[in-house]
Amino acid sequence: MQQVISSETIPIKMWLSDMEESALQQAKNLANLPFAFKHVAIMPDSHSGYGMPIGGVLATKGVVIPNAVGVDIGCGMCAAKTSLTDISDKNLKAVMSLIREYVPVGFEHHDKAQSQSAMPDESLVLPKGVVERNLVAARKQVGTLGGGNHFIEIQRGNDGNIYIMIHSGSRNLGLKVAEHYNSIAKFKNKLWYTGIPPKHDLAFLPIETQEAKDYMTEMNYCVEFAFANRKLMMVNIQKAFSQIIGESFSELEFINIPHNYARWENHFGENVIVHRKGATSAKEGETGIIPGSQGTKSYIVTGKGNPQSFMSCSHGAGRALGRKQAQRELNLEAEIDALNKKGIIHSVRTQKDLDEAPGAYKNIDIVMENQRDLVDIRTELTPLAVVKG
């Protein structure tokens, strides 16, 4: 832990030494909520979000806050350790070309609905809920990457194996659920005269209300859908590998971990609802994934179960520059040159792509150093090729 801010109703415990003013103010807003529990934890990759800073961990007593989860419910990471120990540049480029055929990116979806077996269990669907109304569209979205900071990356581990890593979420389904319940929360909070300023974007639902119960049900479906989305992409990526290298390979390990969700957990002897928005669970012995930026190392980690972070860690490197700021300020030639020198097959082509260039992100080495008390590094992963959303 780098510092503790004690000026608000409850402390803000921070795993970084500097934080943009807007994100710090959001953390203070969290710390002054009447139902916030114990303290607010801010991870080392934190930056400004919508209502709650990305990289924030908030425990609450008796309420759930849709905006403290965010619009990409269940967004997270998966990684597959393969039995491959090498792949030629020629084959890698061919694999990446096939991946782009098999996995729609950005706003693209599959032309046809995917198999029902690729979707979460239908028993998890809330009757007449938001998810049910969007299931037809969701069956075309499952197995798609999305845009923004989502990516597919082929990596070499320091254990000698080739890894496949995916960062993606619940696509439009999570957005629909988030917007629906946040709108309800805003309307109810106005009726209740809660005293929480609407401009803070932290409208809440008391957990005993039907709206909160419905949100938790639909949010949990979106978490499962995001997992199903990543699993189907992994199947199609492995199909691309098999077609190019001419043989199948075994998957030695599969890791999945979300970083946008809320769930009941026990901390400091009490049952509370822990909201993680761009933060990863890091219970003692739990395996997690912390990706770097495009062109920098990623890490498979083991959680230490630090109670001060509500057993959490960072979900990545974290943005240093906003998207528009990165496009204005970064040097395109310099960013491309740095990636080329590392021999990475990357996706930085135009000024527009600079919002996801390495220079737009924090130094992953510093981020990892700042959370030595939260996780142990198990495997270092060096990028070989990247597909960005």
Protein backbone atom coordinates (compact mmCIF):
# COMPACT_ATOMS: atom_id res chain seq x y z
CA MET A 1 0.00 0.00 0.00
CA GLN A 2 1.33 3.42 -0.99
CA GLN A 3 -0.85 5.82 1.01
CA VAL A 4 -4.01 6.30 3.05
CA ILE A 5 -6.31 9.31 2.75
CA SER A 6 -8.18 9.94 6.00
CA SER A 7 -10.01 13.17 5.21
CA GLU A 8 -13.33 11.52 4.32
CA THR A 9 -15.95 9.56 6.27
CA ILE A 10 -13.99 6.32 5.85
CA PRO A 11 -10.35 5.92 4.75
CA ILE A 12 -9.21 5.55 1.15
CA LYS A 13 -6.40 3.01 0.93
CA MET A 14 -4.35 3.42 -2.23
CA TRP A 15 -1.85 1.18 -3.98
CA LEU A 16 -0.48 4.03 -6.09
CA SER A 17 1.36 7.22 -5.19
CA ASP A 18 -0.28 9.53 -7.74
CA MET A 19 -3.84 9.67 -9.01
CA GLU A 20 -5.57 12.02 -11.44
CA GLU A 21 -7.73 14.57 -9.64
CA SER A 22 -11.00 13.42 -11.20
CA ALA A 23 -10.41 9.80 -10.12
CA LEU A 24 -9.40 10.90 -6.63
CA GLN A 25 -12.61 12.89 -6.31
CA GLN A 26 -14.58 9.83 -7.36
CA ALA A 27 -12.81 7.81 -4.66
CA LYS A 28 -13.75 10.47 -2.11
CA ASN A 29 -17.37 10.30 -3.25
CA LEU A 30 -17.29 6.56 -2.54
CA ALA A 31 -15.73 7.10 0.88
CA ASN A 32 -18.58 9.42 1.89
CA LEU A 33 -21.41 7.06 1.00
CA PRO A 34 -23.43 6.28 4.17
CA PHE A 35 -23.40 2.54 3.45
CA ALA A 36 -19.72 2.21 2.42
CA PHE A 37 -17.99 -0.37 4.60
CA LYS A 38 -14.65 -0.12 6.38
CA HIS A 39 -12.59 1.67 3.70
CA VAL A 40 -12.29 2.16 -0.07
CA ALA A 41 -9.47 0.30 -1.86
CA ILE A 42 -7.84 1.82 -4.94
CA MET A 43 -5.67 -0.46 -7.07
CA PRO A 44 -2.37 0.62 -8.71
CA ASP A 45 -3.86 0.80 -12.22
CA SER A 46 -6.67 3.15 -11.17
CA HIS A 47 -7.94 6.01 -13.30
CA SER A 48 -11.15 7.97 -13.75
CA GLY A 49 -14.29 6.05 -14.68
CA TYR A 50 -18.02 6.74 -14.72
CA GLY A 51 -19.18 7.30 -11.14
CA MET A 52 -16.50 5.07 -9.64
CA PRO A 53 -12.83 5.01 -10.61
CA ILE A 54 -11.63 2.09 -12.69
CA GLY A 55 -9.46 0.02 -10.39
CA GLY A 56 -11.74 0.71 -7.43
CA VAL A 57 -13.01 -1.76 -4.83
CA LEU A 58 -16.02 -0.80 -2.73
CA ALA A 59 -17.76 -2.89 -0.08
CA THR A 60 -21.28 -1.86 0.91
CA LYS A 61 -23.73 -2.85 3.59
CA GLY A 62 -27.22 -3.56 2.31
CA VAL A 63 -27.10 -1.92 -1.13
CA VAL A 64 -25.87 -2.57 -4.64
CA ILE A 65 -24.70 0.22 -6.98
CA PRO A 66 -25.04 -0.60 -10.71
CA ASN A 67 -22.50 2.08 -11.69
CA ALA A 68 -19.96 0.57 -9.29
CA VAL A 69 -19.97 -2.45 -11.59
CA GLY A 70 -20.23 -0.54 -14.85
CA VAL A 71 -21.67 -1.16 -18.27
CA ASP A 72 -19.43 -4.05 -19.37
CA ILE A 73 -20.64 -6.47 -16.72
CA GLY A 74 -18.43 -9.54 -16.38
CA CYS A 75 -15.64 -8.10 -18.49
CA GLY A 76 -12.52 -10.02 -17.67
CA MET A 77 -9.59 -12.11 -18.75
CA CYS A 78 -8.97 -15.67 -19.79
CA ALA A 79 -5.72 -17.36 -20.66
CA ALA A 80 -4.88 -20.79 -22.01
CA LYS A 81 -1.48 -22.35 -21.51
CA THR A 82 -0.87 -24.59 -24.50
CA SER A 83 1.46 -27.49 -25.14
CA LEU A 84 3.07 -25.49 -27.97
CA THR A 85 6.59 -24.34 -27.25
CA ASP A 86 7.28 -22.53 -30.51
CA ILE A 87 5.62 -21.06 -33.60
CA SER A 88 7.25 -19.51 -36.65
CA ASP A 89 6.56 -15.91 -37.70
CA LYS A 90 5.01 -17.18 -40.93
CA ASN A 91 2.59 -19.47 -39.09
CA LEU A 92 1.84 -16.84 -36.47
CA LYS A 93 0.82 -14.31 -39.13
CA ALA A 94 -1.37 -16.93 -40.79
CA VAL A 95 -2.99 -17.79 -37.46
CA MET A 96 -3.73 -14.13 -36.75
CA SER A 97 -5.33 -13.78 -40.18
CA LEU A 98 -7.63 -16.74 -39.48
CA ILE A 99 -8.48 -15.44 -36.01
CA ARG A 100 -9.80 -12.25 -37.63
CA GLU A 101 -12.03 -14.44 -39.80
CA TYR A 102 -13.37 -16.54 -36.93
CA VAL A 103 -13.72 -13.84 -34.27
CA PRO A 104 -15.72 -10.69 -35.14
CA VAL A 105 -14.23 -7.52 -33.60
CA GLY A 106 -15.52 -4.03 -32.85
CA PHE A 107 -19.25 -3.69 -33.53
CA GLU A 108 -19.30 -6.83 -35.71
CA HIS A 109 -21.32 -9.89 -34.69
CA HIS A 110 -21.71 -13.39 -36.12
CA ASP A 111 -24.08 -13.57 -39.10
CA LYS A 112 -25.89 -16.53 -37.54
CA ALA A 113 -26.94 -17.35 -34.01
CA GLN A 114 -24.39 -19.56 -32.29
CA SER A 115 -25.26 -22.90 -30.73
CA GLN A 116 -27.37 -22.80 -27.57
CA SER A 117 -24.63 -24.91 -25.96
CA ALA A 118 -22.32 -21.89 -26.22
CA MET A 119 -24.67 -19.86 -24.01
CA PRO A 120 -25.06 -19.94 -20.21
CA ASP A 121 -27.72 -22.17 -18.64
CA GLU A 122 -31.19 -20.87 -19.50
CA SER A 123 -32.28 -21.44 -15.89
CA LEU A 124 -30.17 -18.39 -14.97
CA VAL A 125 -32.36 -16.10 -17.12
CA LEU A 126 -34.79 -13.86 -15.23
CA PRO A 127 -38.28 -14.33 -16.76
CA LYS A 128 -39.39 -11.19 -18.61
CA GLY A 129 -36.14 -9.46 -17.71
CA VAL A 130 -33.67 -7.44 -19.76
CA VAL A 131 -31.58 -10.49 -20.62
CA GLU A 132 -34.55 -12.48 -21.88
CA ARG A 133 -35.54 -9.61 -24.19
CA ASN A 134 -32.04 -9.54 -25.67
CA LEU A 135 -31.21 -13.25 -25.92
CA VAL A 136 -31.80 -13.50 -29.68
CA ALA A 137 -29.22 -10.78 -30.34
CA ALA A 138 -26.90 -12.22 -27.67
CA ARG A 139 -26.62 -15.54 -29.52
CA LYS A 140 -25.01 -13.66 -32.41
CA GLN A 141 -22.75 -11.70 -30.04
CA VAL A 142 -21.34 -14.65 -28.10
CA GLY A 143 -17.83 -15.42 -29.32
CA THR A 144 -17.08 -11.84 -30.41
CA LEU A 145 -14.34 -9.57 -29.13
CA GLY A 146 -15.88 -6.10 -29.01
CA GLY A 147 -13.91 -2.87 -29.16
CA GLY A 148 -11.97 -0.44 -26.98
CA ASN A 149 -9.29 -2.11 -24.90
CA HIS A 150 -10.44 -5.66 -25.64
CA PHE A 151 -7.83 -7.87 -27.23
CA ILE A 152 -6.61 -11.30 -28.25
CA GLU A 153 -2.91 -11.85 -27.68
CA ILE A 154 -0.55 -14.70 -28.43
CA GLN A 155 2.28 -14.80 -25.90
CA ARG A 156 5.39 -16.69 -24.91
CA GLY A 157 5.63 -17.61 -21.25
CA ASN A 158 8.88 -17.64 -19.32
CA ASP A 159 8.02 -21.30 -18.66
CA GLY A 160 8.66 -22.01 -22.37
CA ASN A 161 5.03 -22.45 -23.43
CA ILE A 162 2.86 -20.50 -25.86
CA TYR A 163 -0.20 -18.84 -24.29
CA ILE A 164 -3.44 -17.46 -25.70
CA MET A 165 -4.98 -14.55 -23.77
CA ILE A 166 -8.34 -12.82 -24.26
CA HIS A 167 -9.79 -9.66 -22.72
CA SER A 168 -13.49 -9.20 -23.41
CA GLY A 169 -16.88 -8.80 -21.74
CA SER A 170 -20.63 -9.17 -22.05
CA ARG A 171 -21.02 -7.12 -25.23
CA ASN A 172 -24.33 -5.27 -25.66
CA LEU A 173 -26.12 -7.52 -23.17
CA GLY A 174 -24.22 -6.14 -20.18
CA LEU A 175 -24.73 -2.59 -21.41
CA LYS A 176 -28.50 -3.07 -21.61
CA VAL A 177 -28.69 -4.55 -18.11
CA ALA A 178 -26.47 -1.85 -16.62
CA GLU A 179 -28.38 1.03 -18.19
CA HIS A 180 -31.78 -0.40 -17.22
CA TYR A 181 -31.02 -0.85 -13.52
CA ASN A 182 -28.99 2.33 -13.18
CA SER A 183 -31.99 4.23 -14.56
CA ILE A 184 -34.24 2.57 -11.98
CA ALA A 185 -31.77 3.38 -9.20
CA LYS A 186 -31.56 7.04 -10.27
CA PHE A 187 -35.34 7.34 -10.33
CA LYS A 188 -35.79 5.66 -6.94
CA ASN A 189 -33.01 7.69 -5.31
CA LYS A 190 -34.70 10.89 -6.44
CA LEU A 191 -37.98 9.72 -4.88
CA TRP A 192 -36.24 8.75 -1.65
CA TYR A 193 -34.38 12.08 -1.24
CA THR A 194 -31.25 10.10 -0.44
CA GLY A 195 -28.91 13.08 -0.19
CA ILE A 196 -26.39 11.46 -2.53
CA PRO A 197 -25.77 14.04 -5.27
CA PRO A 198 -27.04 12.77 -8.65
CA LYS A 199 -23.92 14.19 -10.31
CA HIS A 200 -21.83 11.58 -8.47
CA ASP A 201 -23.51 8.84 -10.58
CA LEU A 202 -23.70 6.45 -7.62
CA ALA A 203 -27.41 5.68 -7.46
CA PHE A 204 -28.08 2.56 -5.37
CA LEU A 205 -30.69 -0.14 -4.81
CA PRO A 206 -31.35 -1.52 -1.30
CA ILE A 207 -30.61 -5.22 -1.52
CA GLU A 208 -33.97 -6.25 -0.03
CA THR A 209 -35.88 -4.58 -2.88
CA GLN A 210 -37.10 -6.57 -5.85
CA GLU A 211 -35.18 -4.27 -8.21
CA ALA A 212 -31.90 -5.07 -6.45
CA LYS A 213 -32.61 -8.79 -6.47
CA ASP A 214 -33.44 -8.64 -10.17
CA TYR A 215 -30.27 -6.69 -10.87
CA MET A 216 -28.13 -9.24 -9.06
CA THR A 217 -29.78 -12.06 -11.03
CA GLU A 218 -29.31 -10.35 -14.38
CA MET A 219 -25.82 -9.14 -13.53
CA ASN A 220 -24.78 -12.69 -12.65
CA TYR A 221 -26.15 -13.92 -15.98
CA CYS A 222 -24.04 -11.28 -17.76
CA VAL A 223 -20.96 -12.47 -15.84
CA GLU A 224 -21.66 -15.99 -17.08
CA PHE A 225 -22.34 -14.73 -20.60
CA ALA A 226 -19.01 -12.87 -20.65
CA PHE A 227 -17.29 -16.10 -19.60
CA ALA A 228 -19.14 -18.02 -22.33
CA ASN A 229 -18.10 -15.33 -24.80
CA ARG A 230 -14.43 -15.78 -23.95
CA LYS A 231 -14.71 -19.58 -24.02
CA LEU A 232 -16.20 -19.62 -27.52
CA MET A 233 -13.53 -17.24 -28.79
CA MET A 234 -10.88 -19.53 -27.31
CA VAL A 235 -12.39 -22.52 -29.14
CA ASN A 236 -12.28 -20.63 -32.44
CA ILE A 237 -8.75 -19.35 -31.83
CA GLN A 238 -7.55 -22.87 -31.16
CA LYS A 239 -9.27 -23.97 -34.38
CA ALA A 240 -7.22 -21.33 -36.24
CA PHE A 241 -4.02 -22.66 -34.68
CA SER A 242 -4.87 -26.23 -35.60
CA GLN A 243 -5.57 -25.32 -39.23
CA ILE A 244 -2.24 -23.55 -39.65
CA ILE A 245 0.17 -25.72 -37.69
CA GLY A 246 -1.43 -28.89 -39.08
CA GLU A 247 -1.97 -30.57 -35.75
CA SER A 248 -4.02 -30.14 -32.62
CA PHE A 249 -2.40 -29.22 -29.34
CA SER A 250 -3.48 -29.77 -25.79
CA GLU A 251 -4.60 -27.04 -23.43
CA LEU A 252 -2.54 -27.47 -20.28
CA GLU A 253 -4.41 -24.90 -18.23
CA PHE A 254 -7.37 -22.55 -18.65
CA ILE A 255 -7.78 -19.52 -16.39
CA ASN A 256 -10.80 -17.21 -16.30
CA ILE A 257 -11.34 -14.25 -14.01
CA PRO A 258 -13.76 -11.29 -14.30
CA HIS A 259 -13.07 -7.76 -13.12
CA ASN A 260 -16.47 -5.97 -13.35
CA TYR A 261 -19.06 -7.37 -10.95
CA ALA A 262 -20.58 -7.26 -7.45
CA ARG A 263 -20.98 -10.23 -5.13
CA TRP A 264 -21.57 -11.16 -1.53
CA GLU A 265 -18.33 -11.76 0.38
CA ASN A 266 -17.26 -11.88 4.02
CA HIS A 267 -14.68 -9.29 5.10
CA PHE A 268 -13.65 -8.21 8.57
CA GLY A 269 -16.26 -10.57 10.01
CA GLU A 270 -19.24 -9.15 8.10
CA ASN A 271 -21.17 -10.13 4.99
CA VAL A 272 -20.95 -7.25 2.51
CA ILE A 273 -21.45 -6.66 -1.19
CA VAL A 274 -18.06 -6.13 -2.81
CA HIS A 275 -18.11 -4.11 -6.02
CA ARG A 276 -15.05 -4.54 -8.24
CA LYS A 277 -14.87 -2.16 -11.19
CA GLY A 278 -11.72 -2.86 -13.13
CA ALA A 279 -10.32 -4.85 -10.21
CA THR A 280 -9.58 -8.56 -9.85
CA SER A 281 -10.24 -10.95 -6.99
CA ALA A 282 -6.98 -12.06 -5.35
CA LYS A 283 -7.89 -14.43 -2.56
CA GLU A 284 -5.08 -16.42 -1.02
CA GLY A 285 -3.94 -18.99 -3.56
CA GLU A 286 -6.34 -17.74 -6.27
CA THR A 287 -4.92 -17.67 -9.81
CA GLY A 288 -5.40 -14.40 -11.66
CA ILE A 289 -4.35 -12.55 -14.80
CA ILE A 290 -2.90 -9.03 -14.99
CA PRO A 291 -2.35 -7.93 -18.60
CA GLY A 292 0.04 -5.20 -19.63
CA SER A 293 -0.58 -2.80 -22.49
CA GLN A 294 -0.13 -3.72 -26.15
CA GLY A 295 3.52 -4.54 -26.48
CA THR A 296 4.37 -5.06 -22.79
CA LYS A 297 4.44 -8.10 -20.54
CA SER A 298 1.41 -9.67 -18.91
CA TYR A 299 1.36 -11.82 -15.78
CA ILE A 300 -0.26 -14.91 -14.37
CA VAL A 301 -0.40 -14.26 -10.64
CA THR A 302 -1.35 -15.91 -7.37
CA GLY A 303 -3.38 -13.92 -4.86
CA LYS A 304 -2.14 -13.27 -1.33
CA GLY A 305 -5.59 -12.62 0.17
CA ASN A 306 -4.65 -9.21 1.57
CA PRO A 307 -7.66 -8.07 3.66
CA GLN A 308 -6.79 -4.39 3.21
CA SER A 309 -7.60 -4.60 -0.53
CA PHE A 310 -10.68 -6.74 0.13
CA MET A 311 -8.55 -9.53 -1.36
CA SER A 312 -8.22 -7.74 -4.70
CA CYS A 313 -5.54 -6.61 -7.14
CA SER A 314 -5.26 -4.58 -10.35
CA HIS A 315 -6.93 -5.74 -13.56
CA GLY A 316 -4.16 -4.48 -15.83
CA ALA A 317 -1.73 -1.64 -16.40
CA GLY A 318 -4.36 1.11 -16.34
CA ARG A 319 -4.66 4.12 -18.61
CA ALA A 320 -2.20 6.99 -18.30
CA LEU A 321 -3.85 9.02 -21.07
CA GLY A 322 -7.47 9.33 -22.12
CA ARG A 323 -8.34 8.01 -25.56
CA LYS A 324 -8.58 11.39 -27.29
CA GLN A 325 -5.57 12.66 -25.37
CA ALA A 326 -3.47 9.70 -26.56
CA GLN A 327 -4.52 10.28 -30.16
CA ARG A 328 -3.50 13.95 -29.87
CA GLU A 329 -0.28 13.63 -27.94
CA LEU A 330 1.42 10.34 -28.81
CA ASN A 331 3.81 10.07 -31.73
CA LEU A 332 2.55 7.49 -34.21
CA GLU A 333 5.93 6.68 -35.74
CA ALA A 334 7.57 6.31 -32.33
CA GLU A 335 4.86 3.96 -31.05
CA ILE A 336 5.01 1.80 -34.19
CA ASP A 337 8.81 1.73 -34.11
CA ALA A 338 8.87 0.59 -30.48
CA LEU A 339 6.50 -2.30 -31.25
CA ASN A 340 8.37 -3.27 -34.41
CA LYS A 341 11.69 -3.39 -32.59
CA LYS A 342 10.19 -5.95 -30.22
CA GLY A 343 9.07 -8.03 -33.20
CA ILE A 344 5.40 -7.90 -32.19
CA ILE A 345 2.65 -8.34 -34.76
CA HIS A 346 0.50 -5.42 -33.61
CA SER A 347 -2.50 -3.31 -34.57
CA VAL A 348 -1.18 0.26 -34.43
CA ARG A 349 -1.58 1.63 -37.95
CA THR A 350 -3.07 5.13 -37.82
CA GLN A 351 -3.38 8.09 -35.45
CA LYS A 352 -6.75 6.72 -34.35
CA ASP A 353 -5.08 3.54 -33.08
CA LEU A 354 -2.94 5.49 -30.61
CA ASP A 355 -5.69 5.26 -27.98
CA GLU A 356 -4.51 1.66 -27.47
CA ALA A 357 -0.78 2.17 -28.03
CA PRO A 358 1.60 1.26 -25.18
CA GLY A 359 2.24 4.96 -24.49
CA ALA A 360 -1.41 5.42 -23.51
CA TYR A 361 -0.94 3.11 -20.53
CA LYS A 362 0.86 3.16 -17.21
CA ASN A 363 4.17 1.36 -16.75
CA ILE A 364 3.21 -2.24 -15.93
CA ASP A 365 6.49 -2.73 -14.02
CA ILE A 366 5.52 0.03 -11.58
CA VAL A 367 1.97 -1.30 -11.31
CA MET A 368 3.28 -4.76 -10.38
CA GLU A 369 5.81 -3.33 -7.93
CA ASN A 370 3.05 -1.39 -6.17
CA GLN A 371 1.03 -4.53 -5.51
CA ARG A 372 3.69 -6.88 -4.21
CA ASP A 373 1.59 -7.23 -1.06
CA LEU A 374 -1.45 -8.32 -3.10
CA VAL A 375 -0.09 -10.95 -5.53
CA ASP A 376 2.91 -13.09 -6.36
CA ILE A 377 3.97 -13.35 -10.00
CA ARG A 378 3.76 -16.93 -11.24
CA THR A 379 4.42 -16.57 -14.98
CA GLU A 380 5.66 -13.70 -17.15
CA LEU A 381 4.14 -13.52 -20.63
CA THR A 382 5.81 -11.69 -23.52
CA PRO A 383 3.56 -10.66 -26.46
CA LEU A 384 4.13 -12.14 -29.89
CA ALA A 385 1.01 -10.95 -31.74
CA VAL A 386 -2.05 -8.86 -30.90
CA VAL A 387 -5.57 -8.41 -32.27
CA LYS A 388 -7.28 -5.32 -30.85
CA GLY A 389 -10.98 -4.58 -30.81
